[in-house]
N, C-alpha and C. Protein backbone atom coordinates (compact mmCIF):
# COMPACT_ATOMS: atom_id res chain seq x y z
N MET A 1 9.24 5.35 12.69
CA MET A 1 8.94 4.55 11.52
C MET A 1 9.03 3.08 11.89
N LEU A 2 8.06 2.33 11.41
CA LEU A 2 8.01 0.91 11.69
C LEU A 2 8.42 0.13 10.43
N TYR A 3 7.78 -0.96 10.13
CA TYR A 3 8.16 -1.86 9.04
C TYR A 3 8.10 -1.18 7.66
N VAL A 4 9.07 -1.50 6.79
CA VAL A 4 9.11 -0.98 5.42
C VAL A 4 9.12 -2.14 4.43
N SER A 5 8.22 -2.09 3.45
CA SER A 5 8.16 -3.07 2.37
C SER A 5 8.54 -2.37 1.07
N ARG A 6 9.32 -3.07 0.22
CA ARG A 6 9.75 -2.49 -1.06
C ARG A 6 9.50 -3.48 -2.19
N THR A 7 9.12 -2.93 -3.35
CA THR A 7 8.98 -3.75 -4.55
C THR A 7 9.32 -2.90 -5.77
N ARG A 8 9.79 -3.53 -6.82
CA ARG A 8 10.21 -2.84 -8.05
C ARG A 8 9.15 -3.03 -9.15
N HIS A 9 9.16 -2.08 -10.09
CA HIS A 9 8.20 -2.13 -11.20
C HIS A 9 8.76 -1.32 -12.36
N ARG A 10 8.51 -1.77 -13.58
CA ARG A 10 8.86 -1.00 -14.78
C ARG A 10 7.56 -0.61 -15.46
N VAL A 11 7.43 0.68 -15.81
CA VAL A 11 6.20 1.20 -16.41
C VAL A 11 5.95 0.50 -17.76
N ARG A 12 4.71 0.03 -17.92
CA ARG A 12 4.29 -0.69 -19.13
C ARG A 12 3.46 0.23 -20.03
N SER A 13 3.40 -0.10 -21.30
CA SER A 13 2.73 0.76 -22.28
C SER A 13 1.26 0.98 -21.96
N TYR A 14 0.57 -0.04 -21.48
CA TYR A 14 -0.86 0.10 -21.23
C TYR A 14 -1.17 0.90 -19.95
N GLU A 15 -0.15 1.34 -19.23
CA GLU A 15 -0.36 2.19 -18.06
C GLU A 15 -0.31 3.68 -18.41
N LEU A 16 -0.06 3.97 -19.68
CA LEU A 16 0.06 5.36 -20.14
C LEU A 16 -1.28 5.91 -20.61
N ASP A 17 -1.41 7.23 -20.53
CA ASP A 17 -2.62 7.88 -21.04
C ASP A 17 -2.32 8.55 -22.38
N ALA A 18 -3.26 9.32 -22.88
CA ALA A 18 -3.12 9.97 -24.18
C ALA A 18 -1.96 10.96 -24.23
N TYR A 19 -1.50 11.43 -23.08
CA TYR A 19 -0.38 12.39 -23.03
C TYR A 19 0.97 11.69 -22.96
N GLY A 20 0.97 10.34 -22.90
CA GLY A 20 2.22 9.60 -22.88
C GLY A 20 2.85 9.44 -21.51
N HIS A 21 2.11 9.80 -20.48
CA HIS A 21 2.63 9.55 -19.13
C HIS A 21 1.66 8.65 -18.38
N VAL A 22 2.09 8.16 -17.23
CA VAL A 22 1.26 7.22 -16.47
C VAL A 22 -0.03 7.91 -16.04
N ASN A 23 -1.14 7.25 -16.31
CA ASN A 23 -2.45 7.76 -15.92
C ASN A 23 -2.57 7.76 -14.40
N ASN A 24 -3.17 8.80 -13.84
CA ASN A 24 -3.26 8.91 -12.38
C ASN A 24 -4.01 7.75 -11.74
N ALA A 25 -4.94 7.13 -12.44
CA ALA A 25 -5.68 5.99 -11.86
C ALA A 25 -4.76 4.79 -11.65
N VAL A 26 -3.71 4.68 -12.44
CA VAL A 26 -2.78 3.56 -12.31
C VAL A 26 -2.04 3.61 -10.97
N TYR A 27 -1.79 4.81 -10.48
CA TYR A 27 -1.11 4.95 -9.20
C TYR A 27 -1.87 4.23 -8.09
N MET A 28 -3.20 4.29 -8.13
CA MET A 28 -4.01 3.60 -7.12
C MET A 28 -3.76 2.09 -7.17
N GLN A 29 -3.64 1.54 -8.36
CA GLN A 29 -3.36 0.11 -8.51
C GLN A 29 -1.98 -0.21 -7.95
N TRP A 30 -1.01 0.62 -8.25
CA TRP A 30 0.35 0.39 -7.75
C TRP A 30 0.40 0.46 -6.22
N LEU A 31 -0.32 1.41 -5.66
CA LEU A 31 -0.35 1.54 -4.20
C LEU A 31 -1.01 0.32 -3.56
N GLU A 32 -2.05 -0.18 -4.20
CA GLU A 32 -2.70 -1.41 -3.73
C GLU A 32 -1.71 -2.57 -3.77
N HIS A 33 -0.94 -2.64 -4.84
CA HIS A 33 0.08 -3.68 -4.94
C HIS A 33 1.09 -3.56 -3.80
N GLY A 34 1.47 -2.34 -3.47
CA GLY A 34 2.39 -2.11 -2.35
C GLY A 34 1.81 -2.59 -1.03
N ARG A 35 0.52 -2.36 -0.83
CA ARG A 35 -0.12 -2.82 0.42
C ARG A 35 -0.21 -4.35 0.45
N SER A 36 -0.48 -4.94 -0.69
CA SER A 36 -0.51 -6.39 -0.77
C SER A 36 0.87 -6.98 -0.49
N ARG A 37 1.91 -6.37 -1.02
CA ARG A 37 3.29 -6.83 -0.78
C ARG A 37 3.65 -6.73 0.70
N LEU A 38 3.13 -5.72 1.37
CA LEU A 38 3.36 -5.57 2.81
C LEU A 38 2.92 -6.83 3.54
N LEU A 39 1.76 -7.34 3.21
CA LEU A 39 1.27 -8.58 3.81
C LEU A 39 2.09 -9.77 3.34
N GLN A 40 2.37 -9.84 2.05
CA GLN A 40 3.10 -10.98 1.49
C GLN A 40 4.51 -11.10 2.07
N ASP A 41 5.13 -10.00 2.41
CA ASP A 41 6.48 -10.03 3.00
C ASP A 41 6.53 -10.91 4.24
N LYS A 42 5.42 -11.02 4.94
CA LYS A 42 5.36 -11.81 6.18
C LYS A 42 4.56 -13.09 6.00
N GLY A 43 4.28 -13.46 4.73
CA GLY A 43 3.61 -14.72 4.45
C GLY A 43 2.10 -14.67 4.47
N PHE A 44 1.53 -13.46 4.36
CA PHE A 44 0.08 -13.31 4.42
C PHE A 44 -0.48 -12.78 3.11
N ASP A 45 -1.80 -12.84 2.98
CA ASP A 45 -2.53 -12.16 1.92
C ASP A 45 -3.89 -11.78 2.50
N TYR A 46 -4.72 -11.14 1.69
CA TYR A 46 -6.00 -10.66 2.19
C TYR A 46 -6.90 -11.78 2.70
N ASN A 47 -6.78 -12.96 2.11
CA ASN A 47 -7.64 -14.07 2.52
C ASN A 47 -7.14 -14.76 3.78
N ASN A 48 -5.84 -15.04 3.85
CA ASN A 48 -5.40 -15.83 5.00
C ASN A 48 -5.31 -15.02 6.29
N ILE A 49 -5.32 -13.69 6.23
CA ILE A 49 -5.41 -12.97 7.51
C ILE A 49 -6.80 -13.13 8.11
N GLU A 50 -7.80 -13.27 7.25
CA GLU A 50 -9.15 -13.54 7.77
C GLU A 50 -9.21 -14.94 8.35
N GLU A 51 -8.61 -15.89 7.67
CA GLU A 51 -8.60 -17.27 8.18
C GLU A 51 -7.83 -17.36 9.50
N ARG A 52 -6.71 -16.65 9.59
CA ARG A 52 -5.86 -16.76 10.78
C ARG A 52 -6.34 -15.90 11.94
N TRP A 53 -6.73 -14.67 11.65
CA TRP A 53 -7.05 -13.72 12.72
C TRP A 53 -8.53 -13.34 12.78
N GLY A 54 -9.33 -13.74 11.79
CA GLY A 54 -10.74 -13.39 11.78
C GLY A 54 -11.01 -11.93 11.50
N VAL A 55 -10.10 -11.28 10.74
CA VAL A 55 -10.25 -9.85 10.42
C VAL A 55 -10.06 -9.63 8.93
N ARG A 56 -10.49 -8.46 8.50
CA ARG A 56 -10.22 -8.01 7.14
C ARG A 56 -9.39 -6.73 7.22
N PHE A 57 -8.61 -6.48 6.18
CA PHE A 57 -7.65 -5.38 6.07
C PHE A 57 -8.23 -4.43 5.03
N VAL A 58 -8.94 -3.37 5.46
CA VAL A 58 -9.77 -2.56 4.58
C VAL A 58 -9.24 -1.13 4.48
N THR A 59 -9.10 -0.64 3.26
CA THR A 59 -8.65 0.74 3.05
C THR A 59 -9.77 1.70 3.43
N ALA A 60 -9.47 2.62 4.34
CA ALA A 60 -10.45 3.61 4.78
C ALA A 60 -10.24 4.95 4.07
N SER A 61 -8.99 5.31 3.80
CA SER A 61 -8.72 6.56 3.09
C SER A 61 -7.35 6.50 2.43
N THR A 62 -7.24 7.25 1.34
CA THR A 62 -6.00 7.35 0.60
C THR A 62 -5.84 8.79 0.12
N LYS A 63 -4.68 9.37 0.38
CA LYS A 63 -4.36 10.72 -0.11
C LYS A 63 -3.07 10.62 -0.91
N ILE A 64 -3.11 11.07 -2.16
CA ILE A 64 -1.94 11.00 -3.03
C ILE A 64 -1.53 12.40 -3.45
N ASP A 65 -0.22 12.65 -3.38
CA ASP A 65 0.36 13.87 -3.94
C ASP A 65 1.25 13.44 -5.10
N PHE A 66 1.00 13.99 -6.28
CA PHE A 66 1.78 13.69 -7.47
C PHE A 66 2.89 14.73 -7.60
N HIS A 67 4.12 14.27 -7.81
CA HIS A 67 5.26 15.19 -7.85
C HIS A 67 5.90 15.31 -9.23
N ILE A 68 6.07 14.20 -9.95
CA ILE A 68 6.64 14.23 -11.30
C ILE A 68 5.90 13.21 -12.16
N GLY A 69 5.89 13.43 -13.45
CA GLY A 69 5.27 12.49 -14.37
C GLY A 69 6.18 11.30 -14.61
N LEU A 70 5.55 10.17 -14.89
CA LEU A 70 6.29 8.94 -15.18
C LEU A 70 5.97 8.49 -16.59
N HIS A 71 6.94 7.80 -17.23
CA HIS A 71 6.81 7.45 -18.64
C HIS A 71 7.19 6.00 -18.88
N LEU A 72 6.95 5.55 -20.10
CA LEU A 72 7.23 4.18 -20.52
C LEU A 72 8.65 3.78 -20.14
N ASP A 73 8.75 2.58 -19.55
CA ASP A 73 10.02 1.95 -19.16
C ASP A 73 10.72 2.61 -17.98
N ASP A 74 10.10 3.60 -17.33
CA ASP A 74 10.70 4.11 -16.10
C ASP A 74 10.80 2.96 -15.10
N ASP A 75 11.93 2.87 -14.44
CA ASP A 75 12.16 1.84 -13.42
C ASP A 75 11.79 2.44 -12.07
N LEU A 76 10.83 1.82 -11.40
CA LEU A 76 10.26 2.39 -10.18
C LEU A 76 10.49 1.50 -8.97
N GLU A 77 10.39 2.12 -7.81
CA GLU A 77 10.35 1.37 -6.56
C GLU A 77 9.14 1.86 -5.78
N PHE A 78 8.32 0.91 -5.33
CA PHE A 78 7.19 1.23 -4.45
C PHE A 78 7.63 0.92 -3.03
N THR A 79 7.46 1.87 -2.16
CA THR A 79 7.81 1.69 -0.75
C THR A 79 6.56 1.88 0.09
N THR A 80 6.29 0.93 0.96
CA THR A 80 5.16 1.02 1.88
C THR A 80 5.71 0.91 3.29
N THR A 81 5.49 1.94 4.08
CA THR A 81 6.01 2.01 5.43
C THR A 81 4.86 2.09 6.42
N ILE A 82 4.90 1.25 7.43
CA ILE A 82 3.92 1.40 8.51
C ILE A 82 4.39 2.54 9.38
N ALA A 83 3.67 3.64 9.31
CA ALA A 83 4.05 4.85 10.03
C ALA A 83 3.48 4.87 11.45
N ARG A 84 2.29 4.27 11.59
CA ARG A 84 1.62 4.31 12.90
C ARG A 84 0.72 3.10 13.04
N ILE A 85 0.75 2.50 14.20
CA ILE A 85 -0.20 1.43 14.53
C ILE A 85 -1.09 1.94 15.65
N GLY A 86 -2.39 2.01 15.37
CA GLY A 86 -3.35 2.48 16.37
C GLY A 86 -4.04 1.31 17.03
N THR A 87 -5.26 1.54 17.47
CA THR A 87 -6.05 0.50 18.13
C THR A 87 -6.74 -0.41 17.11
N THR A 88 -7.37 0.21 16.10
CA THR A 88 -8.09 -0.56 15.08
C THR A 88 -7.58 -0.26 13.67
N SER A 89 -6.61 0.64 13.54
CA SER A 89 -6.13 1.02 12.21
C SER A 89 -4.62 1.19 12.18
N VAL A 90 -4.09 1.12 10.97
CA VAL A 90 -2.68 1.43 10.73
C VAL A 90 -2.62 2.53 9.68
N THR A 91 -1.65 3.40 9.83
CA THR A 91 -1.39 4.44 8.84
C THR A 91 -0.15 4.04 8.08
N LEU A 92 -0.27 4.02 6.75
CA LEU A 92 0.83 3.66 5.88
C LEU A 92 1.30 4.88 5.11
N ASP A 93 2.59 5.10 5.07
CA ASP A 93 3.18 6.09 4.18
C ASP A 93 3.67 5.31 2.98
N GLN A 94 3.21 5.70 1.80
CA GLN A 94 3.60 5.00 0.58
C GLN A 94 4.28 5.99 -0.36
N ARG A 95 5.26 5.47 -1.09
CA ARG A 95 6.05 6.31 -1.99
C ARG A 95 6.26 5.55 -3.28
N ILE A 96 6.13 6.25 -4.38
CA ILE A 96 6.49 5.72 -5.68
C ILE A 96 7.67 6.54 -6.14
N GLY A 97 8.81 5.89 -6.30
CA GLY A 97 10.02 6.61 -6.63
C GLY A 97 10.65 6.15 -7.93
N ARG A 98 11.34 7.07 -8.57
CA ARG A 98 12.15 6.79 -9.76
C ARG A 98 13.56 7.28 -9.44
N GLY A 99 14.43 6.33 -9.15
CA GLY A 99 15.77 6.71 -8.70
C GLY A 99 15.67 7.49 -7.40
N ASP A 100 16.28 8.65 -7.37
CA ASP A 100 16.24 9.49 -6.17
C ASP A 100 15.03 10.42 -6.15
N GLU A 101 14.22 10.39 -7.20
CA GLU A 101 13.07 11.28 -7.29
C GLU A 101 11.82 10.62 -6.72
N VAL A 102 11.02 11.39 -6.03
CA VAL A 102 9.71 10.93 -5.56
C VAL A 102 8.68 11.32 -6.60
N ALA A 103 8.07 10.32 -7.23
CA ALA A 103 7.04 10.58 -8.24
C ALA A 103 5.69 10.85 -7.59
N ALA A 104 5.41 10.11 -6.51
CA ALA A 104 4.15 10.30 -5.79
C ALA A 104 4.35 9.87 -4.34
N SER A 105 3.71 10.59 -3.45
CA SER A 105 3.71 10.21 -2.04
C SER A 105 2.26 10.06 -1.61
N CYS A 106 2.04 9.14 -0.70
CA CYS A 106 0.68 8.78 -0.36
C CYS A 106 0.59 8.44 1.12
N GLN A 107 -0.54 8.75 1.69
CA GLN A 107 -0.82 8.27 3.04
C GLN A 107 -2.16 7.51 2.97
N THR A 108 -2.12 6.28 3.47
CA THR A 108 -3.29 5.41 3.45
C THR A 108 -3.60 4.95 4.86
N VAL A 109 -4.87 4.96 5.22
CA VAL A 109 -5.30 4.43 6.50
C VAL A 109 -6.04 3.12 6.24
N ILE A 110 -5.58 2.07 6.91
CA ILE A 110 -6.18 0.75 6.81
C ILE A 110 -6.87 0.45 8.14
N VAL A 111 -8.12 0.03 8.07
CA VAL A 111 -8.88 -0.33 9.26
C VAL A 111 -9.05 -1.84 9.28
N PHE A 112 -8.87 -2.43 10.44
CA PHE A 112 -9.15 -3.84 10.62
C PHE A 112 -10.62 -3.97 10.99
N THR A 113 -11.33 -4.85 10.27
CA THR A 113 -12.76 -5.00 10.52
C THR A 113 -13.09 -6.47 10.77
N ASP A 114 -14.32 -6.69 11.24
CA ASP A 114 -14.82 -8.06 11.32
C ASP A 114 -15.06 -8.56 9.90
N PRO A 115 -15.26 -9.86 9.72
CA PRO A 115 -15.43 -10.40 8.36
C PRO A 115 -16.59 -9.80 7.57
N SER A 116 -17.61 -9.30 8.25
CA SER A 116 -18.73 -8.70 7.53
C SER A 116 -18.44 -7.25 7.14
N MET A 117 -17.32 -6.72 7.60
CA MET A 117 -16.87 -5.34 7.34
C MET A 117 -17.87 -4.31 7.86
N THR A 118 -18.56 -4.64 8.95
CA THR A 118 -19.52 -3.71 9.53
C THR A 118 -19.00 -3.02 10.78
N ALA A 119 -17.89 -3.51 11.34
CA ALA A 119 -17.37 -2.91 12.56
C ALA A 119 -15.85 -3.02 12.60
N ALA A 120 -15.23 -1.94 13.06
CA ALA A 120 -13.78 -1.98 13.28
C ALA A 120 -13.49 -2.86 14.49
N VAL A 121 -12.36 -3.56 14.42
CA VAL A 121 -11.96 -4.45 15.51
C VAL A 121 -10.51 -4.16 15.87
N PRO A 122 -10.08 -4.54 17.07
CA PRO A 122 -8.68 -4.32 17.45
C PRO A 122 -7.71 -5.03 16.51
N ILE A 123 -6.58 -4.40 16.29
CA ILE A 123 -5.53 -5.00 15.46
C ILE A 123 -5.01 -6.24 16.17
N PRO A 124 -4.89 -7.35 15.46
CA PRO A 124 -4.37 -8.57 16.08
C PRO A 124 -2.96 -8.34 16.66
N GLU A 125 -2.71 -8.89 17.83
CA GLU A 125 -1.41 -8.74 18.49
C GLU A 125 -0.29 -9.28 17.62
N GLU A 126 -0.53 -10.39 16.91
CA GLU A 126 0.52 -10.97 16.05
C GLU A 126 0.91 -9.99 14.93
N PHE A 127 -0.06 -9.26 14.39
CA PHE A 127 0.24 -8.25 13.38
C PHE A 127 1.17 -7.20 13.97
N LYS A 128 0.85 -6.73 15.15
CA LYS A 128 1.69 -5.71 15.80
C LYS A 128 3.11 -6.24 16.02
N GLU A 129 3.22 -7.48 16.45
CA GLU A 129 4.54 -8.06 16.70
C GLU A 129 5.34 -8.21 15.40
N LEU A 130 4.67 -8.60 14.31
CA LEU A 130 5.35 -8.81 13.04
C LEU A 130 5.80 -7.51 12.38
N TYR A 131 5.02 -6.45 12.54
CA TYR A 131 5.27 -5.23 11.80
C TYR A 131 5.82 -4.06 12.62
N ALA A 132 5.88 -4.21 13.92
CA ALA A 132 6.41 -3.10 14.75
C ALA A 132 7.93 -3.11 14.74
């Protein structure tokens, strides 16, 4: 296991569906927030990594397993862990937890691309140094 990023969140009313639990589409937004926090932890965002390294940080795949339902005012923790650093991609293990319970687990593959997003490029060495 490599770098771990954590952030907290409380479920809001507009994240609920007609059944009174968090809509599954909201989980994708939360996971995106976790990936953004991963960059922010080290002083980066999606724009300045392009300015600094000439690359983009692009989601190639996401797999989510839902374990328990979440409800209004649940206090959550999003955890994003760099599980693997490859040549042009990183694999992230992401978790949405409520206390000791895992509400959802996710694996996301991020590919580093050129600015036009037409070709995968090697992961910048500075990224590897910061997150390994």
